[in-house]
Amino acid sequence: MNQPIRVLLVDDHAEIRASLRDAIDRQPGMRVTAEAGTCAETVAKVQATTPDVLVLDLQLTDGNGWVVLERLSAAGKLPPTLVLSVCEESVFARRLLAAGARGYLMKDSPLPRIVQAIRDVHRGLLVASEQVSSRLMAEAVGRSAERLKDDDDDCSLGLLSARELQICAMLGAGLSNKEIAYSLEGSAKTVATYKLRIMEKLGVTSTPELVARYRSLGLPGT
């Protein structure tokens, strides 16, 4: 008999984990074997339980899923990973897939779609919405990178580099420079430099204004 797909479920909201866990555990050949609510806990549980699939929330209390992807990938421990998020997919999806995720879906996707996505990433497939998939295919057949960037610029966050976008997301979630530096295993001074670049690109002059701009785009706070 085939072993079930072992899923590590990561979200900082217990009620969301419970809903996903119930949907996953009712599926044949699939079960949640561990849960986590922070970046640090996720890294530790991946190393301890070696799940077949990681289902990862992008926004966590001590950083974000991007940090988890980087740490596990650098250590050679990243399992097939499905990112679930409320963050703008036109900006975040391609960058997270490039960072090592195998799938990116919005959190409000129907549960059957999420369950099928878990099966697909376990099989080695890339998973994304139709919009993102179309753009990835266009890129693969030679559509210019400049045109793709123009699409990202529909949202002002598309102006940011991958690292700037990552730090902007953590600032928008209410983390301090020191907390971000700890999460990224860097220095607060480096984070402050990135913050200045982000503010310049987005045309804001203060941290509250930066946070307000981030959240005005429908992205989550704490």
C-alpha atoms as a PDB file:
ATOM      1  CA  MET A   1       0.000   0.000   0.000  1.00  0.00           C
ATOM      2  CA  ASN A   2       1.314   3.454  -0.892  1.00  0.00           C
ATOM      3  CA  GLN A   3       2.312   5.706   1.972  1.00  0.00           C
ATOM      4  CA  PRO A   4       0.156   8.837   2.373  1.00  0.00           C
ATOM      5  CA  ILE A   5       1.542  12.228   1.383  1.00  0.00           C
ATOM      6  CA  ARG A   6       2.828  13.711   4.652  1.00  0.00           C
ATOM      7  CA  VAL A   7       2.016  17.424   4.888  1.00  0.00           C
ATOM      8  CA  LEU A   8       3.531  20.061   7.154  1.00  0.00           C
ATOM      9  CA  LEU A   9       0.947  22.827   7.514  1.00  0.00           C
ATOM     10  CA  VAL A  10       2.192  26.330   8.349  1.00  0.00           C
ATOM     11  CA  ASP A  11      -0.021  29.287   9.258  1.00  0.00           C
ATOM     12  CA  ASP A  12       0.026  31.633  12.238  1.00  0.00           C
ATOM     13  CA  HIS A  13      -3.765  31.403  12.622  1.00  0.00           C
ATOM     14  CA  ALA A  14      -4.883  28.226  14.388  1.00  0.00           C
ATOM     15  CA  GLU A  15      -8.384  28.379  12.906  1.00  0.00           C
ATOM     16  CA  ILE A  16      -7.023  28.453   9.352  1.00  0.00           C
ATOM     17  CA  ARG A  17      -4.755  25.499  10.094  1.00  0.00           C
ATOM     18  CA  ALA A  18      -7.721  23.609  11.535  1.00  0.00           C
ATOM     19  CA  SER A  19      -9.809  24.192   8.404  1.00  0.00           C
ATOM     20  CA  LEU A  20      -7.005  23.099   6.081  1.00  0.00           C
ATOM     21  CA  ARG A  21      -6.096  20.146   8.276  1.00  0.00           C
ATOM     22  CA  ASP A  22      -9.685  18.896   8.223  1.00  0.00           C
ATOM     23  CA  ALA A  23      -9.845  19.174   4.417  1.00  0.00           C
ATOM     24  CA  ILE A  24      -6.491  17.445   3.938  1.00  0.00           C
ATOM     25  CA  ASP A  25      -7.059  14.647   6.448  1.00  0.00           C
ATOM     26  CA  ARG A  26     -10.337  13.724   4.771  1.00  0.00           C
ATOM     27  CA  GLN A  27      -8.498  13.004   1.517  1.00  0.00           C
ATOM     28  CA  PRO A  28      -7.369   9.490   0.651  1.00  0.00           C
ATOM     29  CA  GLY A  29      -3.609   9.123   0.617  1.00  0.00           C
ATOM     30  CA  MET A  30      -2.876  12.406   2.378  1.00  0.00           C
ATOM     31  CA  ARG A  31      -2.541  13.552   5.984  1.00  0.00           C
ATOM     32  CA  VAL A  32      -1.185  16.430   8.054  1.00  0.00           C
ATOM     33  CA  THR A  33       1.669  15.085  10.156  1.00  0.00           C
ATOM     34  CA  ALA A  34       2.899  18.365  11.685  1.00  0.00           C
ATOM     35  CA  GLU A  35       1.936  22.017  12.061  1.00  0.00           C
ATOM     36  CA  ALA A  36       3.805  25.261  12.701  1.00  0.00           C
ATOM     37  CA  GLY A  37       2.999  28.934  13.182  1.00  0.00           C
ATOM     38  CA  THR A  38       6.370  30.706  12.883  1.00  0.00           C
ATOM     39  CA  CYS A  39       9.415  30.708  10.612  1.00  0.00           C
ATOM     40  CA  ALA A  40      11.685  29.252  13.286  1.00  0.00           C
ATOM     41  CA  GLU A  41       9.214  26.503  14.160  1.00  0.00           C
ATOM     42  CA  THR A  42       8.758  25.650  10.483  1.00  0.00           C
ATOM     43  CA  VAL A  43      12.481  25.231   9.824  1.00  0.00           C
ATOM     44  CA  ALA A  44      12.832  23.043  12.922  1.00  0.00           C
ATOM     45  CA  LYS A  45       9.840  20.846  12.022  1.00  0.00           C
ATOM     46  CA  VAL A  46      10.934  20.371   8.419  1.00  0.00           C
ATOM     47  CA  GLN A  47      14.292  19.130   9.653  1.00  0.00           C
ATOM     48  CA  ALA A  48      12.684  16.918  12.307  1.00  0.00           C
ATOM     49  CA  THR A  49       9.801  15.411  10.315  1.00  0.00           C
ATOM     50  CA  THR A  50      10.970  15.579   6.653  1.00  0.00           C
ATOM     51  CA  PRO A  51       7.472  16.169   5.212  1.00  0.00           C
ATOM     52  CA  ASP A  52       6.603  15.251   1.643  1.00  0.00           C
ATOM     53  CA  VAL A  53       4.937  18.635   1.067  1.00  0.00           C
ATOM     54  CA  LEU A  54       5.192  21.953   2.891  1.00  0.00           C
ATOM     55  CA  VAL A  55       2.063  24.136   2.788  1.00  0.00           C
ATOM     56  CA  LEU A  56       3.346  27.553   3.745  1.00  0.00           C
ATOM     57  CA  ASP A  57       1.630  30.815   4.654  1.00  0.00           C
ATOM     58  CA  LEU A  58       3.547  33.817   3.319  1.00  0.00           C
ATOM     59  CA  GLN A  59       2.981  36.112   6.315  1.00  0.00           C
ATOM     60  CA  LEU A  60       4.142  34.796   9.705  1.00  0.00           C
ATOM     61  CA  THR A  61       4.578  36.559  13.020  1.00  0.00           C
ATOM     62  CA  ASP A  62       8.385  36.364  13.069  1.00  0.00           C
ATOM     63  CA  GLY A  63       9.027  37.044   9.375  1.00  0.00           C
ATOM     64  CA  ASN A  64       7.561  35.515   6.240  1.00  0.00           C
ATOM     65  CA  GLY A  65       7.566  32.342   4.221  1.00  0.00           C
ATOM     66  CA  TRP A  66      10.161  33.759   1.871  1.00  0.00           C
ATOM     67  CA  VAL A  67      12.701  33.497   4.710  1.00  0.00           C
ATOM     68  CA  VAL A  68      11.741  29.856   5.239  1.00  0.00           C
ATOM     69  CA  LEU A  69      12.224  29.093   1.547  1.00  0.00           C
ATOM     70  CA  GLU A  70      15.672  30.679   1.569  1.00  0.00           C
ATOM     71  CA  ARG A  71      16.871  28.955   4.734  1.00  0.00           C
ATOM     72  CA  LEU A  72      15.665  25.494   3.774  1.00  0.00           C
ATOM     73  CA  SER A  73      16.864  25.828   0.189  1.00  0.00           C
ATOM     74  CA  ALA A  74      20.332  26.929   1.341  1.00  0.00           C
ATOM     75  CA  ALA A  75      20.469  23.913   3.648  1.00  0.00           C
ATOM     76  CA  GLY A  76      19.288  21.527   0.926  1.00  0.00           C
ATOM     77  CA  LYS A  77      16.240  20.671   3.050  1.00  0.00           C
ATOM     78  CA  LEU A  78      13.409  22.337   1.119  1.00  0.00           C
ATOM     79  CA  PRO A  79      10.530  19.920   0.415  1.00  0.00           C
ATOM     80  CA  PRO A  80       8.076  20.574  -2.430  1.00  0.00           C
ATOM     81  CA  THR A  81       6.363  23.725  -1.191  1.00  0.00           C
ATOM     82  CA  LEU A  82       2.963  25.246  -1.854  1.00  0.00           C
ATOM     83  CA  VAL A  83       2.687  28.886  -0.759  1.00  0.00           C
ATOM     84  CA  LEU A  84      -0.759  30.129   0.250  1.00  0.00           C
ATOM     85  CA  SER A  85      -1.189  33.875   0.577  1.00  0.00           C
ATOM     86  CA  VAL A  86      -3.468  36.871   0.371  1.00  0.00           C
ATOM     87  CA  CYS A  87      -0.588  38.896  -1.125  1.00  0.00           C
ATOM     88  CA  GLU A  88      -0.851  40.200  -4.680  1.00  0.00           C
ATOM     89  CA  GLU A  89       0.030  37.240  -6.877  1.00  0.00           C
ATOM     90  CA  SER A  90       1.033  39.354  -9.877  1.00  0.00           C
ATOM     91  CA  VAL A  91       3.974  40.627  -7.800  1.00  0.00           C
ATOM     92  CA  PHE A  92       4.765  37.783  -5.404  1.00  0.00           C
ATOM     93  CA  ALA A  93       4.048  34.531  -7.263  1.00  0.00           C
ATOM     94  CA  ARG A  94       6.842  34.527  -9.870  1.00  0.00           C
ATOM     95  CA  ARG A  95       9.415  35.673  -7.323  1.00  0.00           C
ATOM     96  CA  LEU A  96       8.506  32.993  -4.802  1.00  0.00           C
ATOM     97  CA  LEU A  97       8.522  30.321  -7.489  1.00  0.00           C
ATOM     98  CA  ALA A  98      11.990  31.551  -8.457  1.00  0.00           C
ATOM     99  CA  ALA A  99      12.994  31.321  -4.773  1.00  0.00           C
ATOM    100  CA  GLY A 100      12.153  27.618  -4.697  1.00  0.00           C
ATOM    101  CA  ALA A 101       8.405  27.257  -4.136  1.00  0.00           C
ATOM    102  CA  ARG A 102       6.644  24.736  -6.375  1.00  0.00           C
ATOM    103  CA  GLY A 103       3.253  26.409  -6.161  1.00  0.00           C
ATOM    104  CA  TYR A 104       1.513  29.667  -5.273  1.00  0.00           C
ATOM    105  CA  LEU A 105      -2.208  30.017  -4.675  1.00  0.00           C
ATOM    106  CA  MET A 106      -4.369  32.655  -3.069  1.00  0.00           C
ATOM    107  CA  LYS A 107      -5.693  31.685   0.361  1.00  0.00           C
ATOM    108  CA  ASP A 108      -9.274  32.074  -0.775  1.00  0.00           C
ATOM    109  CA  SER A 109      -8.849  29.350  -3.412  1.00  0.00           C
ATOM    110  CA  PRO A 110     -11.457  26.575  -3.047  1.00  0.00           C
ATOM    111  CA  LEU A 111     -10.303  23.795  -0.734  1.00  0.00           C
ATOM    112  CA  PRO A 112     -10.497  21.151  -3.490  1.00  0.00           C
ATOM    113  CA  ARG A 113      -8.115  23.312  -5.559  1.00  0.00           C
ATOM    114  CA  ILE A 114      -5.663  23.530  -2.654  1.00  0.00           C
ATOM    115  CA  VAL A 115      -5.834  19.777  -2.049  1.00  0.00           C
ATOM    116  CA  GLN A 116      -5.173  19.066  -5.733  1.00  0.00           C
ATOM    117  CA  ALA A 117      -2.283  21.543  -5.669  1.00  0.00           C
ATOM    118  CA  ILE A 118      -0.694  19.568  -2.829  1.00  0.00           C
ATOM    119  CA  ARG A 119      -0.914  16.409  -4.932  1.00  0.00           C
ATOM    120  CA  ASP A 120       0.512  18.232  -7.941  1.00  0.00           C
ATOM    121  CA  VAL A 121       3.549  19.729  -6.183  1.00  0.00           C
ATOM    122  CA  HIS A 122       4.215  16.311  -4.650  1.00  0.00           C
ATOM    123  CA  ARG A 123       4.317  14.915  -8.201  1.00  0.00           C
ATOM    124  CA  GLY A 124       6.858  17.555  -9.180  1.00  0.00           C
ATOM    125  CA  LEU A 125       4.523  19.914 -11.029  1.00  0.00           C
ATOM    126  CA  LEU A 126       4.470  23.704 -10.784  1.00  0.00           C
ATOM    127  CA  VAL A 127       1.162  25.120  -9.570  1.00  0.00           C
ATOM    128  CA  ALA A 128      -0.181  28.650 -10.032  1.00  0.00           C
ATOM    129  CA  SER A 129      -3.351  30.457 -11.021  1.00  0.00           C
ATOM    130  CA  GLU A 130      -4.269  30.627 -14.701  1.00  0.00           C
ATOM    131  CA  GLN A 131      -3.087  34.241 -14.841  1.00  0.00           C
ATOM    132  CA  VAL A 132       0.344  33.477 -13.411  1.00  0.00           C
ATOM    133  CA  SER A 133       0.689  30.278 -15.449  1.00  0.00           C
ATOM    134  CA  SER A 134      -0.044  32.203 -18.659  1.00  0.00           C
ATOM    135  CA  ARG A 135       2.633  34.743 -17.843  1.00  0.00           C
ATOM    136  CA  LEU A 136       5.180  32.026 -17.058  1.00  0.00           C
ATOM    137  CA  MET A 137       4.408  30.334 -20.375  1.00  0.00           C
ATOM    138  CA  ALA A 138       4.738  33.653 -22.203  1.00  0.00           C
ATOM    139  CA  GLU A 139       8.136  34.151 -20.616  1.00  0.00           C
ATOM    140  CA  ALA A 140       9.198  30.633 -21.563  1.00  0.00           C
ATOM    141  CA  VAL A 141       8.396  31.181 -25.245  1.00  0.00           C
ATOM    142  CA  GLY A 142      10.396  34.367 -25.433  1.00  0.00           C
ATOM    143  CA  ARG A 143       8.201  37.238 -24.376  1.00  0.00           C
ATOM    144  CA  SER A 144      10.560  39.994 -23.289  1.00  0.00           C
ATOM    145  CA  ALA A 145      11.476  40.373 -19.639  1.00  0.00           C
ATOM    146  CA  GLU A 146      10.855  44.098 -19.991  1.00  0.00           C
ATOM    147  CA  ARG A 147       7.225  43.517 -20.962  1.00  0.00           C
ATOM    148  CA  LEU A 148       6.779  41.171 -18.001  1.00  0.00           C
ATOM    149  CA  LYS A 149       8.171  43.816 -15.703  1.00  0.00           C
ATOM    150  CA  ASP A 150       5.652  46.272 -17.110  1.00  0.00           C
ATOM    151  CA  ASP A 151       2.907  43.880 -16.016  1.00  0.00           C
ATOM    152  CA  ASP A 152       4.297  43.869 -12.490  1.00  0.00           C
ATOM    153  CA  ASP A 153       4.258  47.650 -12.472  1.00  0.00           C
ATOM    154  CA  ASP A 154       0.447  47.529 -12.469  1.00  0.00           C
ATOM    155  CA  CYS A 155       1.153  47.299  -8.732  1.00  0.00           C
ATOM    156  CA  SER A 156       3.740  49.740  -7.391  1.00  0.00           C
ATOM    157  CA  LEU A 157       5.439  46.935  -5.465  1.00  0.00           C
ATOM    158  CA  GLY A 158       6.578  45.610  -8.844  1.00  0.00           C
ATOM    159  CA  LEU A 159       9.215  48.333  -8.781  1.00  0.00           C
ATOM    160  CA  LEU A 160      11.030  46.588  -5.957  1.00  0.00           C
ATOM    161  CA  SER A 161      13.783  43.985  -6.192  1.00  0.00           C
ATOM    162  CA  ALA A 162      13.150  40.562  -4.678  1.00  0.00           C
ATOM    163  CA  ARG A 163      14.922  41.451  -1.414  1.00  0.00           C
ATOM    164  CA  GLU A 164      13.252  44.863  -1.244  1.00  0.00           C
ATOM    165  CA  LEU A 165       9.851  43.259  -1.742  1.00  0.00           C
ATOM    166  CA  GLN A 166      10.601  40.715   0.990  1.00  0.00           C
ATOM    167  CA  ILE A 167      11.592  43.428   3.464  1.00  0.00           C
ATOM    168  CA  CYS A 168       8.659  45.626   2.442  1.00  0.00           C
ATOM    169  CA  ALA A 169       6.287  42.759   3.244  1.00  0.00           C
ATOM    170  CA  MET A 170       7.792  42.396   6.715  1.00  0.00           C
ATOM    171  CA  LEU A 171       7.661  46.163   7.331  1.00  0.00           C
ATOM    172  CA  GLY A 172       4.044  46.152   6.185  1.00  0.00           C
ATOM    173  CA  ALA A 173       3.311  43.382   8.668  1.00  0.00           C
ATOM    174  CA  GLY A 174       4.613  45.577  11.481  1.00  0.00           C
ATOM    175  CA  LEU A 175       8.077  44.121  12.083  1.00  0.00           C
ATOM    176  CA  SER A 176      10.848  46.462  13.220  1.00  0.00           C
ATOM    177  CA  ASN A 177      14.244  46.787  11.523  1.00  0.00           C
ATOM    178  CA  LYS A 178      15.759  44.729  14.341  1.00  0.00           C
ATOM    179  CA  GLU A 179      13.143  41.979  14.020  1.00  0.00           C
ATOM    180  CA  ILE A 180      13.601  41.829  10.245  1.00  0.00           C
ATOM    181  CA  ALA A 181      17.379  41.684  10.621  1.00  0.00           C
ATOM    182  CA  TYR A 182      17.037  38.775  13.057  1.00  0.00           C
ATOM    183  CA  SER A 183      14.688  36.940  10.690  1.00  0.00           C
ATOM    184  CA  LEU A 184      17.025  37.452   7.728  1.00  0.00           C
ATOM    185  CA  GLU A 185      20.125  36.728   9.810  1.00  0.00           C
ATOM    186  CA  GLY A 186      21.553  40.120   8.835  1.00  0.00           C
ATOM    187  CA  SER A 187      22.102  43.526  10.425  1.00  0.00           C
ATOM    188  CA  ALA A 188      19.626  46.255  11.319  1.00  0.00           C
ATOM    189  CA  LYS A 189      21.850  48.708   9.436  1.00  0.00           C
ATOM    190  CA  THR A 190      21.457  46.717   6.219  1.00  0.00           C
ATOM    191  CA  VAL A 191      17.698  46.564   6.706  1.00  0.00           C
ATOM    192  CA  ALA A 192      17.630  50.342   7.243  1.00  0.00           C
ATOM    193  CA  THR A 193      19.462  50.819   3.935  1.00  0.00           C
ATOM    194  CA  TYR A 194      16.947  48.637   2.110  1.00  0.00           C
ATOM    195  CA  LYS A 195      14.129  50.518   3.819  1.00  0.00           C
ATOM    196  CA  LEU A 196      15.410  53.828   2.472  1.00  0.00           C
ATOM    197  CA  ARG A 197      15.576  52.378  -1.054  1.00  0.00           C
ATOM    198  CA  ILE A 198      12.039  51.039  -0.744  1.00  0.00           C
ATOM    199  CA  MET A 199      10.711  54.380   0.457  1.00  0.00           C
ATOM    200  CA  GLU A 200      12.428  56.179  -2.401  1.00  0.00           C
ATOM    201  CA  LYS A 201      11.015  53.798  -5.029  1.00  0.00           C
ATOM    202  CA  LEU A 202       7.498  53.991  -3.600  1.00  0.00           C
ATOM    203  CA  GLY A 203       7.650  57.763  -3.134  1.00  0.00           C
ATOM    204  CA  VAL A 204       7.015  57.775   0.614  1.00  0.00           C
ATOM    205  CA  THR A 205       8.916  59.610   3.355  1.00  0.00           C
ATOM    206  CA  SER A 206       8.086  57.828   6.613  1.00  0.00           C
ATOM    207  CA  THR A 207       7.530  54.340   7.994  1.00  0.00           C
ATOM    208  CA  PRO A 208       3.802  54.925   8.698  1.00  0.00           C
ATOM    209  CA  GLU A 209       3.378  56.138   5.120  1.00  0.00           C
ATOM    210  CA  LEU A 210       5.216  53.068   3.825  1.00  0.00           C
ATOM    211  CA  VAL A 211       3.013  50.743   5.874  1.00  0.00           C
ATOM    212  CA  ALA A 212      -0.098  52.593   4.701  1.00  0.00           C
ATOM    213  CA  ARG A 213       0.990  52.253   1.048  1.00  0.00           C
ATOM    214  CA  TYR A 214       1.614  48.536   1.501  1.00  0.00           C
ATOM    215  CA  ARG A 215      -1.757  47.936   3.122  1.00  0.00           C
ATOM    216  CA  SER A 216      -3.588  50.146   0.613  1.00  0.00           C
ATOM    217  CA  LEU A 217      -2.770  47.486  -1.959  1.00  0.00           C
ATOM    218  CA  GLY A 218      -4.891  44.998  -0.030  1.00  0.00           C
ATOM    219  CA  LEU A 219      -1.944  43.293   1.627  1.00  0.00           C
ATOM    220  CA  PRO A 220      -2.096  42.006   5.200  1.00  0.00           C
ATOM    221  CA  GLY A 221      -0.736  43.582   8.346  1.00  0.00           C
ATOM    222  CA  THR A 222      -0.199  41.918  11.677  1.00  0.00           C
END
